[in-house]
Protein backbone atom coordinates (compact mmCIF):
# COMPACT_ATOMS: atom_id res chain seq x y z
CA UNK A 1 16.27 6.64 4.00
CA UNK A 2 14.52 6.94 7.36
CA UNK A 3 13.71 3.62 8.99
CA UNK A 4 10.00 3.38 9.87
CA UNK A 5 9.13 2.42 13.44
CA UNK A 6 6.20 -0.04 13.40
CA UNK A 7 4.39 -0.86 16.65
CA UNK A 8 2.60 -4.19 17.04
CA UNK A 9 -0.69 -4.52 18.96
CA UNK A 10 -1.36 -8.19 19.63
CA UNK A 11 2.34 -9.03 19.64
CA UNK A 12 1.93 -12.38 21.41
CA UNK A 13 -0.40 -13.78 18.75
CA UNK A 14 0.54 -15.70 15.62
CA UNK A 15 0.34 -12.65 13.39
CA UNK A 16 2.10 -10.43 15.90
CA UNK A 17 5.04 -12.82 16.08
CA UNK A 18 5.15 -13.16 12.28
CA UNK A 19 5.20 -9.35 11.87
CA UNK A 20 8.00 -9.04 14.43
CA UNK A 21 10.04 -11.57 12.43
CA UNK A 22 9.50 -9.62 9.19
CA UNK A 23 10.54 -6.37 10.89
CA UNK A 24 13.65 -8.00 12.36
CA UNK A 25 14.77 -9.03 8.88
CA UNK A 26 13.95 -5.67 7.27
CA UNK A 27 16.35 -2.85 6.42
CA UNK A 28 13.56 -0.30 5.85
CA UNK A 29 11.50 -0.94 9.00
CA UNK A 30 12.07 -1.77 12.63
CA UNK A 31 9.85 -2.83 15.51
CA UNK A 32 8.96 0.01 17.88
CA UNK A 33 7.75 -2.56 20.38
CA UNK A 34 4.70 -4.67 21.03
CA UNK A 35 1.83 -4.94 23.48
CA UNK A 36 -0.73 -7.60 24.27
CA UNK A 37 -3.81 -7.76 26.49
CA UNK A 38 -3.32 -5.10 29.22
CA UNK A 39 -0.20 -3.53 27.66
CA UNK A 40 0.35 0.22 27.39
CA UNK A 41 -0.95 0.94 23.88
CA UNK A 42 -0.70 4.70 24.38
CA UNK A 43 3.05 4.51 25.09
CA UNK A 44 3.58 2.23 22.08
CA UNK A 45 1.66 4.61 19.82
CA UNK A 46 3.84 7.55 20.87
CA UNK A 47 6.98 5.55 20.04
CA UNK A 48 5.74 4.45 16.60
CA UNK A 49 5.47 5.90 13.11
CA UNK A 50 2.57 3.49 12.44
CA UNK A 51 0.69 0.77 14.30
CA UNK A 52 -0.56 -2.64 13.22
CA UNK A 53 -3.40 -4.17 15.22
CA UNK A 54 -4.06 -7.92 15.19
CA UNK A 55 -5.58 -8.18 18.66
CA UNK A 56 -9.31 -8.60 19.38
CA UNK A 57 -12.52 -6.73 18.53
CA UNK A 58 -13.02 -5.77 22.16
CA UNK A 59 -9.72 -3.87 22.17
CA UNK A 60 -10.44 -1.85 19.02
CA UNK A 61 -11.88 1.26 20.67
CA UNK A 62 -8.92 1.67 23.00
CA UNK A 63 -6.41 1.04 20.24
CA UNK A 64 -8.02 3.62 17.97
CA UNK A 65 -8.08 6.14 20.81
CA UNK A 66 -4.36 5.64 21.45
CA UNK A 67 -3.55 6.05 17.75
CA UNK A 68 -5.63 9.23 17.54
CA UNK A 69 -4.01 10.69 20.67
CA UNK A 70 -0.52 10.04 19.24
CA UNK A 71 -1.53 11.13 15.73
CA UNK A 72 -0.17 7.96 14.10
CA UNK A 73 -1.75 5.85 11.34
CA UNK A 74 -3.05 2.39 12.18
CA UNK A 75 -3.63 -0.77 10.15
CA UNK A 76 -6.42 -2.93 11.57
CA UNK A 77 -6.13 -6.61 10.67
CA UNK A 78 -8.39 -7.83 13.47
CA UNK A 79 -11.32 -9.87 12.13
CA UNK A 80 -14.79 -10.48 13.53
CA UNK A 81 -15.71 -6.77 13.54
CA UNK A 82 -19.36 -5.67 13.57
CA UNK A 83 -21.18 -2.50 12.54
CA UNK A 84 -20.28 -0.69 15.76
CA UNK A 85 -16.60 -1.34 15.09
CA UNK A 86 -16.97 -0.02 11.55
CA UNK A 87 -18.52 3.16 12.95
CA UNK A 88 -15.57 3.54 15.33
CA UNK A 89 -13.17 3.15 12.39
CA UNK A 90 -15.07 5.80 10.43
CA UNK A 91 -14.82 8.21 13.36
CA UNK A 92 -11.09 7.59 13.88
CA UNK A 93 -10.45 8.07 10.16
CA UNK A 94 -11.56 11.69 10.49
CA UNK A 95 -8.37 12.33 12.44
CA UNK A 96 -5.80 9.74 11.28
CA UNK A 97 -5.14 7.38 8.35
CA UNK A 98 -6.88 4.03 9.02
CA UNK A 99 -6.46 0.92 6.89
CA UNK A 100 -8.84 -1.89 7.80
CA UNK A 101 -8.74 -5.22 6.00
CA UNK A 102 -9.73 -8.83 6.45
CA UNK A 103 -6.50 -9.92 4.79
CA UNK A 104 -3.14 -8.20 4.30
CA UNK A 105 -1.89 -10.55 1.57
CA UNK A 106 -1.09 -8.74 -1.67
CA UNK A 107 -2.23 -11.83 -3.58
CA UNK A 108 -5.62 -11.84 -1.84
CA UNK A 109 -5.98 -8.13 -2.53
CA UNK A 110 -5.53 -8.79 -6.24
CA UNK A 111 -7.87 -11.81 -6.00
CA UNK A 112 -10.63 -9.60 -4.58
CA UNK A 113 -10.15 -7.24 -7.51
CA UNK A 114 -10.52 -10.13 -9.95
CA UNK A 115 -13.61 -11.47 -8.13
CA UNK A 116 -15.31 -8.08 -8.33
CA UNK A 117 -14.54 -7.82 -12.03
CA UNK A 118 -15.71 -11.38 -12.76
CA UNK A 119 -18.95 -10.94 -10.81
CA UNK A 120 -19.67 -7.73 -12.67
CA UNK A 121 -19.02 -9.18 -16.11
CA UNK A 122 -20.68 -12.60 -15.69
CA UNK A 123 -23.91 -11.43 -14.08
CA UNK A 124 -26.32 -12.94 -11.53
CA UNK A 125 -27.07 -16.07 -13.57
CA UNK A 126 -23.64 -17.33 -12.45
CA UNK A 127 -23.79 -18.75 -8.91
CA UNK A 128 -21.02 -17.63 -6.53
CA UNK A 129 -19.75 -19.85 -3.71
CA UNK A 130 -16.81 -19.01 -1.44
CA UNK A 131 -15.00 -21.84 0.36
CA UNK A 132 -12.31 -21.19 2.96
CA UNK A 133 -10.14 -23.41 5.17
CA UNK A 134 -8.04 -22.42 8.17
CA UNK A 135 -6.20 -24.01 11.09
CA UNK A 136 -8.15 -25.64 13.91
CA UNK A 137 -7.49 -22.72 16.30
CA UNK A 138 -9.29 -20.05 14.27
CA UNK A 139 -12.30 -18.76 16.21
CA UNK A 140 -14.39 -16.80 13.67
CA UNK A 141 -16.22 -17.96 10.55
CA UNK A 142 -16.52 -17.13 7.76
CA UNK A 143 -13.00 -15.76 7.77
CA UNK A 144 -12.37 -12.08 7.31
CA UNK A 145 -10.86 -12.89 3.93
CA UNK A 146 -13.93 -14.85 2.83
CA UNK A 147 -16.11 -11.90 3.77
CA UNK A 148 -13.75 -9.55 1.93
CA UNK A 149 -14.15 -11.71 -1.19
CA UNK A 150 -17.92 -11.82 -0.68
CA UNK A 151 -18.03 -8.04 -0.45
CA UNK A 152 -16.02 -7.85 -3.68
CA UNK A 153 -18.50 -10.16 -5.43
CA UNK A 154 -21.46 -8.19 -4.09
CA UNK A 155 -19.91 -4.90 -5.18
CA UNK A 156 -19.38 -6.32 -8.67
CA UNK A 157 -23.07 -7.18 -8.83
CA UNK A 158 -24.21 -3.93 -7.25
CA UNK A 159 -25.94 -5.69 -4.34
CA UNK A 160 -25.68 -5.76 -0.55
CA UNK A 161 -23.80 -8.80 0.78
CA UNK A 162 -25.70 -9.02 4.08
CA UNK A 163 -29.01 -9.37 2.24
CA UNK A 164 -27.72 -11.96 -0.24
CA UNK A 165 -25.48 -14.16 1.89
CA UNK A 166 -26.05 -17.89 2.47
CA UNK A 167 -23.93 -19.60 5.11
CA UNK A 168 -24.04 -22.71 7.27
CA UNK A 169 -26.43 -24.77 5.14
CA UNK A 170 -27.80 -27.84 6.91
CA UNK A 171 -30.75 -30.15 6.43
CA UNK A 172 -33.54 -29.56 3.93
CA UNK A 173 -32.62 -26.02 2.84
CA UNK A 174 -34.55 -25.92 -0.42
CA UNK A 175 -33.04 -24.82 -3.69
CA UNK A 176 -30.32 -22.23 -3.88
CA UNK A 177 -31.64 -18.66 -3.88
CA UNK A 178 -31.04 -16.87 -7.17
CA UNK A 179 -28.25 -14.33 -6.91
CA UNK A 180 -27.09 -15.59 -3.49
CA UNK A 181 -23.44 -15.55 -2.46
CA UNK A 182 -22.69 -18.74 -0.55
CA UNK A 183 -20.06 -19.40 2.11
CA UNK A 184 -18.55 -22.59 3.52
CA UNK A 185 -15.93 -22.71 6.29
CA UNK A 186 -13.56 -25.63 6.89
CA UNK A 187 -11.32 -25.93 9.98
CA UNK A 188 -8.47 -28.34 10.63
CA UNK A 189 -4.76 -28.91 11.00
CA UNK A 190 -2.36 -26.00 10.65
CA UNK A 191 -3.65 -24.50 7.38
CA UNK A 192 -2.53 -20.87 7.12
CA UNK A 193 -5.35 -20.00 4.76
CA UNK A 194 -7.02 -21.29 1.60
CA UNK A 195 -9.75 -19.42 -0.28
CA UNK A 196 -11.62 -20.54 -3.39
CA UNK A 197 -14.26 -18.51 -5.20
CA UNK A 198 -16.43 -20.60 -7.52
CA UNK A 199 -18.45 -18.94 -10.26
CA UNK A 200 -20.72 -21.65 -11.62
CA UNK A 201 -22.65 -21.09 -14.84
CA UNK A 202 -24.49 -23.36 -17.23
CA UNK A 203 -22.11 -26.18 -18.21
CA UNK A 204 -19.01 -24.22 -17.18
CA UNK A 205 -17.30 -23.13 -13.97
CA UNK A 206 -14.63 -20.58 -13.14
CA UNK A 207 -12.53 -21.00 -9.99
CA UNK A 208 -10.35 -18.25 -8.53
CA UNK A 209 -8.02 -19.52 -5.80
CA UNK A 210 -5.48 -18.23 -3.31
CA UNK A 211 -3.37 -20.60 -1.19
CA UNK A 212 -1.30 -19.20 1.66
CA UNK A 213 1.74 -21.41 2.22
CA UNK A 214 3.08 -19.47 5.19
CA UNK A 215 1.75 -16.81 7.57
CA UNK A 216 4.71 -14.60 6.68
CA UNK A 217 2.94 -13.41 3.52
CA UNK A 218 0.30 -11.72 5.68
CA UNK A 219 2.98 -10.22 7.89
CA UNK A 220 4.86 -8.84 4.89
CA UNK A 221 1.66 -7.31 3.54
CA UNK A 222 0.83 -5.80 6.94
CA UNK A 223 4.24 -4.15 7.15
CA UNK A 224 3.92 -2.86 3.58
CA UNK A 225 0.44 -1.49 4.31
CA UNK A 226 1.44 0.16 7.59
CA UNK A 227 4.50 1.84 6.09
CA UNK A 228 2.40 3.00 3.10
CA UNK A 229 0.05 4.78 5.53
CA UNK A 230 2.81 6.96 6.96
CA UNK A 231 2.35 10.52 5.73
CA UNK A 232 -1.10 9.88 4.22
CA UNK A 233 -4.04 12.17 4.91
CA UNK A 234 -6.68 11.09 7.45
CA UNK A 235 -9.26 8.72 5.95
CA UNK A 236 -10.30 5.11 5.42
CA UNK A 237 -7.95 3.07 3.24
CA UNK A 238 -7.71 -0.54 2.06
CA UNK A 239 -5.04 -2.84 0.70
CA UNK A 240 -6.38 -1.97 -2.77
CA UNK A 241 -5.05 1.54 -2.19
CA UNK A 242 -1.64 0.08 -1.36
CA UNK A 243 -1.57 -1.75 -4.71
CA UNK A 244 -3.02 1.21 -6.61
CA UNK A 245 -6.24 -0.67 -7.45
CA UNK A 246 -8.71 1.67 -5.75
């Protein structure tokens, strides 16, 4: 069996270090190297069978360009992306396999599948609220995972999340909008990640929860996703594809 060479973009960050640890302990994968900030992404791409990117939104364009030039697949785990970043991902996916996700956990991937199914079956009369908590150092909110779960709920209902999202409630907000998908973000301590999706109906409530006990679960999922991309045709992929749920 050929050992896959995985390159890490954002290697100095928490996720980059966790991915390096997973690769060090693996028999099927090895680390092709890592870069951070002003590192030579192009050289890393040429030395890799696949790249994982957990850097920053501002670095995305350059990272995609390096992956395209080297002809290697790339998994994007960077959060806080906007519409322009999504357009850049679409363009890159014409040439190489691109997997972009707000969360690389296999458990969260399955949770999103369940949320979509529940939202579809229960209907708009059930209110949906998504609550997430992360460590005090996290800089974006709602988390990429919370947005991923919100997109799953919106897809299940056949609606657009951006037009039905309620976040950051404060003061006299009035009653809850019918069909809205609500978000609440908590920050504190060293929490790796907690996500709860509440579906609240008349006199009953369903709660779907994922608790991350260690950041290594995201690193393991990132490595699995990146290695799965090797040999795939150009296109946009998700962690649902990795689990065969797409």
